[in-house]
Each structure stands twice: as C-alpha cells, then as structure tokens.
Protein backbone atom coordinates (compact mmCIF):
# COMPACT_ATOMS: atom_id res chain seq x y z
CA MET A 1 25.96 2.06 53.90
CA LYS A 2 27.36 4.70 51.56
CA SER A 3 24.89 7.02 49.88
CA ASN A 4 27.05 9.87 48.57
CA LEU A 5 27.52 8.61 45.03
CA LYS A 6 26.36 11.76 43.23
CA GLY A 7 28.24 12.46 40.03
CA ARG A 8 29.87 9.01 39.88
CA ASP A 9 30.06 7.13 36.59
CA PHE A 10 28.58 3.64 36.70
CA ILE A 11 30.75 1.92 34.11
CA SER A 12 32.59 -0.83 35.96
CA LEU A 13 31.84 -2.61 39.22
CA ARG A 14 35.59 -2.49 39.85
CA ASP A 15 35.01 1.13 40.87
CA TYR A 16 32.41 0.34 43.55
CA SER A 17 33.12 -1.00 47.01
CA LYS A 18 31.18 -3.71 48.82
CA GLU A 19 29.42 -1.05 50.89
CA GLU A 20 28.50 0.96 47.79
CA LEU A 21 27.07 -2.10 46.05
CA GLU A 22 25.03 -2.88 49.16
CA THR A 23 23.74 0.71 49.17
CA ILE A 24 22.49 0.30 45.59
CA LEU A 25 20.87 -3.05 46.39
CA SER A 26 19.21 -1.72 49.52
CA LEU A 27 17.76 1.23 47.65
CA ALA A 28 16.59 -0.98 44.77
CA ILE A 29 14.62 -3.13 47.20
CA GLU A 30 13.18 -0.03 48.88
CA LEU A 31 12.17 1.55 45.57
CA LYS A 32 10.41 -1.67 44.58
CA ARG A 33 8.46 -1.54 47.84
CA LYS A 34 7.57 2.11 47.28
CA LEU A 35 6.30 1.36 43.78
CA TYR A 36 4.19 -1.56 44.98
CA VAL A 37 2.48 0.44 47.73
CA GLY A 38 2.07 3.58 45.62
CA GLU A 39 4.46 5.72 47.64
CA PRO A 40 5.86 8.65 45.61
CA HIS A 41 9.61 8.59 44.99
CA ARG A 42 10.26 11.35 42.47
CA TYR A 43 13.93 11.73 43.32
CA LEU A 44 14.93 12.93 39.84
CA GLU A 45 12.25 15.56 39.33
CA ASN A 46 12.71 17.38 36.00
CA LYS A 47 16.02 15.68 35.25
CA GLU A 48 16.90 14.40 31.77
CA LEU A 49 18.57 11.10 30.88
CA GLY A 50 20.01 10.63 27.39
CA MET A 51 20.00 6.99 26.24
CA LEU A 52 22.44 6.16 23.43
CA PHE A 53 21.65 2.74 21.93
CA PHE A 54 24.03 1.17 19.44
CA ASN A 55 22.53 -2.23 20.32
CA PRO A 56 18.81 -2.84 20.91
CA SER A 57 17.29 -4.33 24.04
CA THR A 58 13.70 -4.84 25.13
CA ARG A 59 14.48 -4.71 28.85
CA THR A 60 17.09 -1.95 28.80
CA ARG A 61 15.10 0.65 26.94
CA ILE A 62 11.77 0.02 28.66
CA SER A 63 13.23 -0.22 32.17
CA PHE A 64 15.36 2.93 31.93
CA GLU A 65 12.63 4.98 30.29
CA THR A 66 9.95 3.79 32.72
CA GLY A 67 12.33 4.24 35.64
CA MET A 68 13.04 7.86 34.78
CA SER A 69 9.30 8.58 34.53
CA GLN A 70 8.65 7.00 37.91
CA LEU A 71 11.49 9.05 39.41
CA GLY A 72 9.96 12.27 38.05
CA GLY A 73 12.39 12.73 35.19
CA HIS A 74 12.42 12.12 31.46
CA ALA A 75 14.44 9.87 29.15
CA GLN A 76 15.42 10.50 25.52
CA MET A 77 16.41 7.57 23.28
CA TYR A 78 18.91 7.93 20.42
CA ALA A 79 19.78 5.24 17.86
CA PRO A 80 23.09 5.47 15.91
CA GLU A 81 21.40 7.32 13.06
CA HIS A 82 20.19 10.00 15.47
CA VAL A 83 23.66 11.21 16.44
CA HIS A 84 26.95 11.93 14.65
CA ALA A 85 28.99 9.89 17.15
CA PHE A 86 31.65 7.58 15.74
CA TYR A 87 30.74 8.08 12.10
CA ARG A 88 31.20 11.85 11.65
CA GLU A 89 32.00 13.35 15.05
CA SER A 90 34.47 12.41 17.75
CA TRP A 91 33.36 10.83 21.01
CA VAL A 92 35.03 13.73 22.81
CA ASP A 93 32.80 16.28 21.11
CA THR A 94 29.76 14.05 21.49
CA ALA A 95 30.28 13.76 25.25
CA GLU A 96 31.02 17.44 25.75
CA VAL A 97 27.86 18.50 23.93
CA MET A 98 25.48 15.87 25.34
CA ALA A 99 26.57 16.73 28.88
CA ARG A 100 25.54 20.37 28.33
CA TYR A 101 21.93 19.26 27.76
CA LEU A 102 21.50 16.27 30.08
CA ASP A 103 21.79 15.20 33.72
CA GLY A 104 22.98 11.70 32.89
CA ILE A 105 23.98 9.62 29.86
CA MET A 106 23.21 5.92 29.48
CA ILE A 107 25.16 4.03 26.80
CA ARG A 108 24.51 0.54 25.41
CA LEU A 109 27.43 -0.27 23.16
CA TYR A 110 29.03 -3.69 22.88
CA ALA A 111 29.13 -3.69 19.07
CA ILE A 112 28.54 -1.22 16.25
CA PRO A 113 26.63 -2.42 13.19
CA GLY A 114 28.90 -2.52 10.16
CA VAL A 115 32.04 -1.79 12.22
CA GLN A 116 34.49 -4.47 13.38
CA LEU A 117 35.43 -3.56 16.96
CA LYS A 118 38.23 -5.35 18.76
CA TYR A 119 37.56 -6.58 22.28
CA GLY A 120 37.90 -3.63 24.65
CA GLU A 121 37.22 -0.89 22.09
CA ALA A 122 33.66 -0.37 23.28
CA ARG A 123 34.92 0.11 26.83
CA GLU A 124 37.44 2.63 25.55
CA ILE A 125 34.58 4.61 24.01
CA LEU A 126 32.69 4.67 27.33
CA ASN A 127 35.83 5.78 29.15
CA THR A 128 36.41 8.55 26.60
CA MET A 129 32.81 9.71 27.07
CA ALA A 130 33.25 9.68 30.85
CA ALA A 131 36.48 11.70 30.65
CA HIS A 132 34.71 14.44 28.70
CA SER A 133 31.27 14.44 30.34
CA ARG A 134 30.36 16.61 33.29
CA VAL A 135 27.41 14.28 34.03
CA PRO A 136 27.48 10.58 34.99
CA ILE A 137 27.87 7.87 32.34
CA ILE A 138 25.86 4.69 33.01
CA ASN A 139 26.96 1.48 31.33
CA ALA A 140 23.95 -0.41 29.96
CA SER A 141 26.24 -3.15 28.55
CA ASP A 142 29.56 -2.81 26.80
CA ASP A 143 31.98 -5.46 25.57
CA GLN A 144 33.44 -6.02 29.05
CA GLU A 145 30.64 -5.61 31.63
CA HIS A 146 26.90 -5.45 32.16
CA PRO A 147 26.74 -3.96 35.67
CA CYS A 148 23.04 -2.98 35.68
CA GLN A 149 21.97 -6.53 34.86
CA VAL A 150 24.14 -8.04 37.57
CA MET A 151 22.78 -5.65 40.21
CA ALA A 152 19.27 -6.78 39.24
CA ASP A 153 20.43 -10.42 39.40
CA ILE A 154 21.75 -10.03 42.93
CA GLN A 155 18.58 -8.22 43.99
CA THR A 156 16.67 -11.26 42.72
CA LEU A 157 18.90 -13.59 44.76
CA ILE A 158 18.29 -11.52 47.89
CA GLU A 159 14.53 -11.77 47.31
CA GLN A 160 14.80 -15.54 46.92
CA PHE A 161 17.20 -16.38 49.74
CA GLY A 162 17.48 -13.33 52.01
CA ALA A 163 20.88 -12.68 53.60
CA ASP A 164 21.77 -16.34 52.99
CA TYR A 165 22.19 -15.66 49.27
CA ARG A 166 25.93 -15.35 49.91
CA LYS A 167 26.04 -18.98 51.12
CA LYS A 168 24.30 -20.41 48.06
CA LYS A 169 26.14 -22.07 45.21
CA VAL A 170 25.53 -19.95 42.11
CA VAL A 171 26.47 -21.64 38.85
CA MET A 172 26.88 -19.58 35.69
CA LEU A 173 26.42 -22.14 32.95
CA TRP A 174 27.48 -21.34 29.38
CA CYS A 175 24.93 -22.28 26.72
CA CYS A 176 25.09 -22.62 22.95
CA HIS A 177 23.02 -19.54 22.12
CA PRO A 178 22.88 -18.72 18.38
CA ARG A 179 24.07 -15.11 18.85
CA LEU A 180 27.60 -14.11 19.84
CA LEU A 181 27.11 -12.10 23.00
CA SER A 182 29.36 -9.99 25.22
CA PRO A 183 30.99 -11.68 28.24
CA GLY A 184 29.86 -8.68 30.29
CA ILE A 185 27.57 -10.56 32.67
CA PRO A 186 30.12 -13.16 33.83
CA HIS A 187 32.71 -10.39 34.24
CA SER A 188 30.40 -8.19 36.32
CA LEU A 189 29.17 -11.15 38.38
CA ALA A 190 32.76 -12.17 39.16
CA LEU A 191 33.49 -8.67 40.47
CA ALA A 192 30.27 -8.16 42.42
CA GLY A 193 30.15 -11.70 43.73
CA GLY A 194 33.76 -11.51 44.83
CA LYS A 195 33.19 -8.27 46.73
CA LEU A 196 29.96 -9.47 48.34
CA GLY A 197 31.29 -12.86 49.45
CA MET A 198 29.23 -15.02 47.10
CA HIS A 199 30.07 -18.59 46.06
CA LEU A 200 30.31 -18.71 42.28
CA THR A 201 31.04 -21.51 39.84
CA PHE A 202 31.57 -20.77 36.14
CA ALA A 203 31.06 -23.72 33.79
CA TYR A 204 31.88 -23.44 30.10
CA PRO A 205 33.54 -25.37 27.26
CA GLU A 206 37.29 -25.17 26.94
CA GLY A 207 38.34 -22.09 25.03
CA TYR A 208 35.38 -19.97 26.09
CA ASP A 209 37.28 -18.44 29.00
CA PRO A 210 36.09 -15.01 30.07
CA ASP A 211 38.74 -12.29 30.35
CA PRO A 212 41.26 -13.52 32.96
CA LYS A 213 41.72 -10.00 34.35
CA TYR A 214 38.12 -10.18 35.58
CA MET A 215 38.13 -13.78 36.72
CA GLU A 216 41.43 -13.53 38.56
CA HIS A 217 40.42 -10.29 40.23
CA GLY A 218 37.05 -11.80 41.17
CA ALA A 219 38.76 -14.83 42.69
CA GLU A 220 41.09 -12.62 44.73
CA LEU A 221 38.15 -10.53 45.96
CA ALA A 222 36.29 -13.71 46.92
CA LYS A 223 39.24 -14.87 49.03
CA GLN A 224 39.20 -11.57 50.89
CA SER A 225 35.43 -11.60 51.45
CA GLY A 226 35.00 -15.24 52.44
CA GLY A 227 33.36 -16.23 49.18
CA GLY A 228 34.62 -18.43 46.39
CA LEU A 229 35.07 -18.52 42.63
CA GLU A 230 35.60 -21.80 40.80
CA ILE A 231 35.91 -22.68 37.11
CA THR A 232 35.12 -26.02 35.47
CA HIS A 233 34.60 -27.37 31.98
CA ASN A 234 32.35 -30.19 33.23
CA MET A 235 28.65 -29.29 33.26
CA LYS A 236 27.48 -32.09 35.56
CA GLU A 237 30.29 -31.45 38.01
CA ALA A 238 29.32 -27.78 38.16
CA LEU A 239 25.64 -28.50 38.77
CA GLU A 240 26.18 -30.79 41.74
CA ASN A 241 24.68 -29.14 44.85
CA ALA A 242 23.83 -25.99 42.89
CA ASP A 243 21.26 -23.64 44.41
CA VAL A 244 21.13 -21.32 41.39
CA ILE A 245 21.64 -22.23 37.74
CA TYR A 246 22.18 -19.11 35.66
CA VAL A 247 22.27 -19.92 31.95
CA LYS A 248 24.26 -17.45 29.85
CA SER A 249 26.14 -17.49 26.57
CA TRP A 250 29.16 -15.43 25.64
CA LYS A 251 31.49 -15.33 22.68
CA LEU A 252 35.09 -16.31 22.19
CA ILE A 253 37.27 -13.34 23.09
CA ASN A 254 39.66 -12.17 20.39
CA GLU A 255 38.44 -14.70 17.82
CA THR A 256 36.54 -14.24 14.59
CA GLU A 257 32.79 -14.65 14.42
CA ALA A 258 33.21 -17.41 11.83
CA LYS A 259 35.49 -19.45 14.12
CA ASP A 260 33.09 -19.07 17.04
CA LEU A 261 30.05 -20.14 15.02
CA GLU A 262 31.92 -23.15 13.66
CA ARG A 263 33.00 -24.16 17.17
CA ARG A 264 29.40 -24.03 18.44
CA LYS A 265 28.30 -26.75 16.03
CA SER A 266 29.86 -29.32 18.35
CA LEU A 267 28.55 -27.75 21.56
CA LYS A 268 24.78 -28.25 21.22
CA ASP A 269 24.72 -30.33 24.42
CA TRP A 270 25.52 -27.22 26.45
CA ARG A 271 21.84 -26.58 27.24
CA LEU A 272 19.86 -26.90 30.45
CA THR A 273 17.17 -29.55 30.82
CA LEU A 274 14.84 -30.55 33.61
CA SER A 275 16.98 -33.60 34.38
CA HIS A 276 19.86 -31.33 35.40
CA PHE A 277 17.82 -30.23 38.42
CA ASP A 278 18.13 -33.79 39.75
CA ILE A 279 21.83 -33.04 40.20
CA ALA A 280 21.27 -29.66 41.82
CA ASN A 281 20.01 -29.05 45.35
CA LYS A 282 16.30 -29.37 46.03
CA GLY A 283 14.62 -26.01 45.43
CA ALA A 284 17.32 -24.78 43.04
CA ILE A 285 16.24 -21.85 40.87
CA PHE A 286 16.78 -21.04 37.20
CA MET A 287 18.01 -17.62 36.04
CA ASN A 288 18.57 -16.04 32.65
CA ALA A 289 19.12 -12.40 31.67
CA MET A 290 17.10 -12.72 28.43
CA PRO A 291 16.55 -12.75 25.55
CA ILE A 292 16.52 -16.54 25.74
CA ALA A 293 16.57 -19.01 22.86
CA ARG A 294 13.94 -21.51 23.94
CA GLU A 295 14.90 -25.18 23.60
CA ILE A 296 18.44 -24.08 22.74
CA ASP A 297 19.64 -22.31 25.89
CA ALA A 298 17.21 -24.22 28.11
CA ALA A 299 14.19 -26.48 27.75
CA ASN A 300 10.74 -24.91 27.90
CA GLU A 301 9.86 -27.04 30.92
CA VAL A 302 12.67 -25.27 32.79
CA ILE A 303 11.96 -21.77 31.46
CA ASP A 304 8.24 -22.05 32.27
CA GLY A 305 8.65 -24.23 35.34
CA PRO A 306 8.34 -23.36 39.04
CA MET A 307 12.11 -23.10 39.36
CA SER A 308 12.31 -20.14 36.97
CA VAL A 309 12.77 -16.59 38.31
CA MET A 310 13.68 -15.23 34.88
CA TYR A 311 10.84 -12.71 34.76
CA ASP A 312 11.63 -11.53 38.30
CA GLN A 313 15.14 -10.75 37.06
CA ALA A 314 13.71 -8.81 34.15
CA GLU A 315 11.45 -6.80 36.45
CA ASN A 316 14.30 -6.06 38.82
CA ARG A 317 16.19 -4.31 36.03
CA LEU A 318 13.69 -1.49 36.59
CA HIS A 319 14.29 -1.25 40.32
CA ALA A 320 18.08 -1.68 40.22
CA GLU A 321 18.45 0.95 37.50
CA LYS A 322 16.22 3.37 39.39
CA ALA A 323 18.48 2.95 42.40
CA ILE A 324 21.61 3.55 40.32
CA MET A 325 20.16 6.63 38.64
CA SER A 326 18.83 8.05 41.93
CA LEU A 327 22.22 7.75 43.54
CA VAL A 328 24.52 9.01 40.77
CA MET A 329 22.39 11.61 38.93
C-alpha cells in the first residue's frame, strides 16, 4: 500500500502504479464503511475545492460537492460563464490564480460549447493547468480519460466479487447512444485493468476503435500483471462466458460529428437485451456509468433487473472521489 500521494495530480491513470490504485480503492471502501456507520472522517477540514465544469454531469457535481462536505471541506462550482478561462484569459493565468485561492482544482472538460476541439486538446488544457498550479488537478473527465469513474467501477466489482474480481470476464460493450461521448472510460479501464490484472474484452463496431496508445499500453500491462485484454467486433462472441457486461458508448476519434451520427443509423442493434444474458455466465451483472438512454443503450428489463448494479456504480463515485481527494489534497 502506498499512501503518500499528497500534491499529486490525478489526471491520467498512466501516472499511478498498481499499488497506488489499490491504495485508493482500499480507502474508498473504508470511507464508505465509515459513512455507513456514522464514523467521522473529516480529513479535509477547512479545505477548498474549485470545480470547473465545461460539461454538466449529475453524478460528478453532486458526488464531489457532497464528498467535500463529508470530508470537512467545501466545494465551489464554476460554469464557463463564471470564469475568463479559454475565452478571454489564458489557461496559464487561470491556473496560477485559482491555485492561490484553493487546495485542489477539479476539471470536467471533454468539449467546450461553441468551440471545435480536436481530440487531445482538452487533455492539453488539463496538462497546462497542472503545470501552472501549485495544488492538485483532478480529472473529472476529459477527452482521453475518466479516471474517477473507473475507480468507482472497480470498487463496485470488488464489492460484487471480492478479490476474485480480477478473474472475472469484464466486457465493455459499445452501444448506439444518441450522444457522441468521450472514449475516456474505455481508455481508463484499459490502463487500470491492465495494471490490476483484470480480464477485459472490448466489443465495438469496426471503426470505433479507442485510441491505440491506450489499448496497446493496456494490453502490455495486462501481460505483465497476468490479466488479459481482447478486442472483438462480434457482440455475441464477446458476451460468451461474460461475468460483467458494461455498456458504454464513445465517439469516432478524429472524425466529424456528422459522419459519426450518419454511421450510427446502421448500428441500432448494438444494444443490450435480456436475451444476451443467456450467452453470459449465470449471475452476470450489468454496469453503466450513466446517463443511460433507456431502450437504446439497454432494455429496461436489464436496467431495472436484478443483474443491474448501475446505481451502486453511481453511489461509488462519491466514495472513490473522497478517497482520491483525501489522498492528493
């Protein structure tokens, strides 16, 4: 276990070792226990978190803000119109100034309304902020990763399967969601799963490949850790003997929105139904990071069925983020 993470940015899971990820997960589980039994855990007493939202999220805002309160601190939320960043002031100046007032900065930026960002530009902004901030930067989803979500996902798997979660077949299944979303979750899962020795299968239509620099690195990490990372374009093949079916959409990388939306018209069958669980292992669970498009991403009988742990995932965002903030702030 490694607990000395103070002052570290939490932008990419590339920067965290297996032991450091396990430290975060262990603390997340412990903080959940403390909350349930009413045990005080005000580890960030009187500290301030600034939350910069260029993209909205029900779970991200509520979990971070609630988490800071439970840890004894306070969170401030800023929308794009609340700050000069990008439009009238450089990210360098924004970071330098915000860091003089705050103990940590959380940024959710995978797109900017009215601005056409190329893939990777949002990550560049986070890296610029980190280079000019004296306090930790926490990535609450950019255009390359969503590390907080994936830590909550793995916490959920540990709760469901215990230490055997590493032996389970986890399938990340692309779905034809109506919005064009960041590939951050598959990227972060490839990195974390590879380091932790998980067995991952990514299933998606041809052309919807995540960034190869993440998938190749994840596969190499999996070889070193005793895990595995496979890719297929056949949904039924992927779901055979699955223990976890994680439904997630992501957009075409480096393609126009119009081309992606046109392509999706022929991909409506990429949705999860109850019959797919006949292919999976008995007791397989359903996961989704939300928001979910009901009857488009997955059938209601799956979402609301006994196999769904979707709301447990959502709750665990609170506990995983509290662990991250406690360790780095």
